[in-house]
Protein backbone atom coordinates (compact mmCIF):
# COMPACT_ATOMS: atom_id res chain seq x y z
CA UNK A 1 0.00 0.00 0.00
CA UNK A 2 2.79 2.43 0.84
CA UNK A 3 4.68 1.60 -2.37
CA UNK A 4 1.60 2.38 -4.46
CA UNK A 5 1.13 5.71 -2.70
CA UNK A 6 4.76 6.66 -3.23
CA UNK A 7 4.54 5.81 -6.95
CA UNK A 8 1.28 7.75 -7.25
CA UNK A 9 2.80 10.77 -5.52
CA UNK A 10 5.85 10.66 -7.79
CA UNK A 11 3.61 10.38 -10.87
CA UNK A 12 1.51 13.32 -9.72
CA UNK A 13 4.59 15.43 -8.99
CA UNK A 14 6.09 14.62 -12.40
CA UNK A 15 2.82 15.46 -14.15
CA UNK A 16 2.64 18.83 -12.40
CA UNK A 17 6.26 19.58 -13.30
CA UNK A 18 5.62 18.63 -16.94
CA UNK A 19 2.74 21.10 -17.08
CA UNK A 20 4.61 23.85 -15.24
CA UNK A 21 8.00 23.52 -16.97
CA UNK A 22 8.67 25.91 -19.86
CA UNK A 23 11.83 24.23 -21.18
CA UNK A 24 10.94 21.30 -23.42
CA UNK A 25 14.19 19.44 -22.76
CA UNK A 26 13.56 19.56 -19.00
CA UNK A 27 10.04 18.26 -19.59
CA UNK A 28 11.53 15.09 -21.06
CA UNK A 29 13.26 14.26 -17.77
CA UNK A 30 9.97 14.49 -15.93
CA UNK A 31 8.26 12.50 -18.69
CA UNK A 32 10.72 9.67 -18.05
CA UNK A 33 10.03 9.91 -14.31
CA UNK A 34 6.31 9.76 -15.03
CA UNK A 35 6.86 6.66 -17.17
CA UNK A 36 8.82 5.00 -14.35
CA UNK A 37 6.06 5.79 -11.86
CA UNK A 38 3.22 4.57 -14.07
CA UNK A 39 5.10 1.38 -14.93
CA UNK A 40 5.70 0.83 -11.21
CA UNK A 41 2.02 1.40 -10.45
CA UNK A 42 0.99 -1.05 -13.15
CA UNK A 43 3.33 -3.70 -11.77
CA UNK A 44 2.17 -3.12 -8.20
CA UNK A 45 -1.57 -2.83 -8.81
CA UNK A 46 -2.10 -5.69 -11.27
CA UNK A 47 -1.56 -8.90 -9.27
CA UNK A 48 -1.16 -11.10 -12.34
CA UNK A 49 2.08 -12.20 -14.01
CA UNK A 50 0.95 -10.47 -17.18
CA UNK A 51 0.82 -7.24 -15.18
CA UNK A 52 4.61 -7.22 -15.12
CA UNK A 53 4.71 -7.68 -18.89
CA UNK A 54 2.25 -4.82 -19.25
CA UNK A 55 4.44 -2.61 -17.06
CA UNK A 56 7.55 -3.51 -19.06
CA UNK A 57 5.78 -2.83 -22.37
CA UNK A 58 4.52 0.54 -21.10
CA UNK A 59 7.96 1.49 -19.82
CA UNK A 60 9.77 0.50 -23.02
CA UNK A 61 7.22 2.32 -25.18
CA UNK A 62 7.40 5.46 -23.06
CA UNK A 63 11.19 5.43 -23.10
CA UNK A 64 11.29 5.04 -26.87
CA UNK A 65 8.83 7.90 -27.22
CA UNK A 66 10.92 10.18 -24.99
CA UNK A 67 14.10 9.29 -26.85
CA UNK A 68 12.46 9.97 -30.21
CA UNK A 69 11.28 13.39 -29.04
CA UNK A 70 14.71 14.25 -27.62
CA UNK A 71 16.41 13.15 -30.83
CA UNK A 72 14.08 15.30 -32.92
CA UNK A 73 14.70 18.34 -30.72
CA UNK A 74 18.46 17.81 -30.89
CA UNK A 75 18.35 17.60 -34.69
CA UNK A 76 16.28 20.78 -34.90
CA UNK A 77 18.81 22.66 -32.79
CA UNK A 78 21.67 21.54 -35.04
CA UNK A 79 20.05 22.96 -38.19
CA UNK A 80 20.02 26.72 -38.65
CA UNK A 81 16.57 28.23 -39.10
CA UNK A 82 15.60 28.84 -42.69
């Protein structure tokens, strides 16, 4: 019960920071934290072995999404504006 509450608090904090943060690159850090917290909640709240697979799939998908966004932003910063 305490682990679920801690994960929920971390997810809520990360969500608030994502909304409040102006810098897009800093938002990505909190997006990764949010993905960790949600994956943890999924693993803790679904008492079935497939719950762990669901948590892993969610985490991997969220990480790939964050990396793709960061890569796109980095490429945009390398190119001069036309």
